[in-house]
Amino acid sequence: MEQAIDKETLLNRVKTTVQSLVPGAEIILYGSRATGTASPDSDWDFLILLPFPVDRKLEIQIKDCLYDIELETNTVLSSIIRSKKEWMSERYAVLPLRRQIETYGIAI
């Protein structure tokens, strides 16, 4: 197991990994790592928006690849995976989390 890696390296690794599986996917860092309030042990929160509907098989495939990064870097990665269309729908518009991500999220 490696030591934790620096922020830019980790973000690039997540982006490259996700986009190798789903070209055109948007990845947004949110939570304490995005707001600068993280502690050294804080997890990394990602919203992953796909250009098409998400099926369970693809969601598991993405999460498995992120888990590999977790094991290699000794970090915790949390992810929400949705289609961009679903995320932008009225169903999600009322969520405080969506407003927080829109306000503080960082596209990577």
Protein backbone atom coordinates (compact mmCIF):
# COMPACT_ATOMS: atom_id res chain seq x y z
CA MET A 1 0.00 0.00 0.00
CA GLU A 2 1.30 3.46 -0.94
CA GLN A 3 1.26 6.54 1.22
CA ALA A 4 -1.47 9.09 0.58
CA ILE A 5 -0.74 11.11 -2.55
CA ASP A 6 -1.03 14.84 -3.15
CA LYS A 7 -4.33 16.43 -4.15
CA GLU A 8 -3.58 17.13 -7.81
CA THR A 9 -2.21 13.64 -8.42
CA LEU A 10 -5.25 12.05 -6.81
CA LEU A 11 -7.70 14.25 -8.73
CA ASN A 12 -5.95 13.50 -12.02
CA ARG A 13 -5.98 9.79 -11.23
CA VAL A 14 -9.72 9.80 -10.48
CA LYS A 15 -10.48 11.83 -13.61
CA THR A 16 -8.35 9.63 -15.87
CA THR A 17 -9.81 6.45 -14.42
CA VAL A 18 -13.44 7.51 -14.72
CA GLN A 19 -13.04 9.02 -18.18
CA SER A 20 -11.27 5.89 -19.45
CA LEU A 21 -14.47 4.01 -18.61
CA VAL A 22 -16.89 6.75 -19.67
CA PRO A 23 -15.49 9.36 -22.05
CA GLY A 24 -17.34 12.62 -21.49
CA ALA A 25 -18.07 11.95 -17.83
CA GLU A 26 -17.98 15.04 -15.63
CA ILE A 27 -16.33 14.70 -12.22
CA ILE A 28 -16.97 17.24 -9.48
CA LEU A 29 -15.14 17.31 -6.17
CA TYR A 30 -17.38 18.44 -3.33
CA GLY A 31 -17.48 18.39 0.45
CA SER A 32 -14.70 19.34 2.84
CA ARG A 33 -11.94 18.70 0.29
CA ALA A 34 -13.54 21.25 -2.05
CA THR A 35 -14.23 23.83 0.64
CA GLY A 36 -10.79 23.60 2.22
CA THR A 37 -12.13 22.42 5.57
CA ALA A 38 -10.87 18.84 5.36
CA SER A 39 -8.81 17.15 8.02
CA PRO A 40 -6.01 14.77 6.95
CA ASP A 41 -8.37 11.81 7.42
CA SER A 42 -11.32 13.29 5.52
CA ASP A 43 -12.74 11.36 2.61
CA TRP A 44 -12.85 12.65 -0.95
CA ASP A 45 -16.40 13.23 -2.25
CA PHE A 46 -17.08 13.04 -5.97
CA LEU A 47 -20.19 13.60 -8.06
CA ILE A 48 -19.78 11.73 -11.33
CA LEU A 49 -22.17 12.78 -14.09
CA LEU A 50 -22.51 10.55 -17.12
CA PRO A 51 -23.81 11.62 -20.54
CA PHE A 52 -26.31 8.74 -20.57
CA PRO A 53 -28.46 6.78 -18.09
CA VAL A 54 -26.53 4.87 -15.44
CA ASP A 55 -27.04 1.14 -15.13
CA ARG A 56 -26.03 -0.86 -12.08
CA LYS A 57 -23.29 -2.75 -13.94
CA LEU A 58 -21.50 0.44 -14.99
CA GLU A 59 -21.93 1.98 -11.54
CA ILE A 60 -20.26 -1.06 -9.96
CA GLN A 61 -17.48 -0.98 -12.55
CA ILE A 62 -16.72 2.68 -11.78
CA LYS A 63 -16.84 2.12 -8.01
CA ASP A 64 -14.55 -0.92 -8.33
CA CYS A 65 -11.96 1.19 -10.16
CA LEU A 66 -12.23 3.91 -7.52
CA TYR A 67 -11.81 1.26 -4.83
CA ASP A 68 -8.54 0.21 -6.46
CA ILE A 69 -7.36 3.82 -6.12
CA GLU A 70 -8.41 3.79 -2.46
CA LEU A 71 -6.34 0.69 -1.79
CA GLU A 72 -3.29 2.01 -3.62
CA THR A 73 -3.36 5.46 -2.02
CA ASN A 74 -4.73 4.75 1.46
CA THR A 75 -7.56 7.25 0.96
CA VAL A 76 -11.35 7.01 1.13
CA LEU A 77 -13.25 7.99 -2.03
CA SER A 78 -17.01 8.48 -1.89
CA SER A 79 -18.97 8.83 -5.10
CA ILE A 80 -22.44 9.63 -6.34
CA ILE A 81 -22.91 8.44 -9.92
CA ARG A 82 -25.85 9.77 -11.94
CA SER A 83 -26.66 10.77 -15.48
CA LYS A 84 -26.36 14.51 -15.99
CA LYS A 85 -29.99 14.60 -17.15
CA GLU A 86 -31.18 12.87 -13.97
CA TRP A 87 -29.03 15.09 -11.72
CA MET A 88 -30.40 18.26 -13.36
CA SER A 89 -34.02 17.09 -13.04
CA GLU A 90 -36.54 18.58 -10.62
CA ARG A 91 -36.22 15.47 -8.47
CA TYR A 92 -32.71 16.51 -7.43
CA ALA A 93 -33.26 20.30 -7.61
CA VAL A 94 -34.72 20.38 -4.10
CA LEU A 95 -31.81 18.58 -2.45
CA PRO A 96 -29.57 20.66 -0.19
CA LEU A 97 -26.66 18.52 -1.42
CA ARG A 98 -27.21 19.68 -4.99
CA ARG A 99 -27.18 23.31 -3.91
CA GLN A 100 -24.00 22.71 -1.92
CA ILE A 101 -22.30 21.05 -4.90
CA GLU A 102 -23.40 23.85 -7.24
CA THR A 103 -22.03 26.44 -4.81
CA TYR A 104 -18.79 24.83 -3.66
CA GLY A 105 -18.08 21.98 -6.07
CA ILE A 106 -14.92 21.96 -8.17
CA ALA A 107 -15.00 20.43 -11.65
CA ILE A 108 -11.91 18.34 -12.26
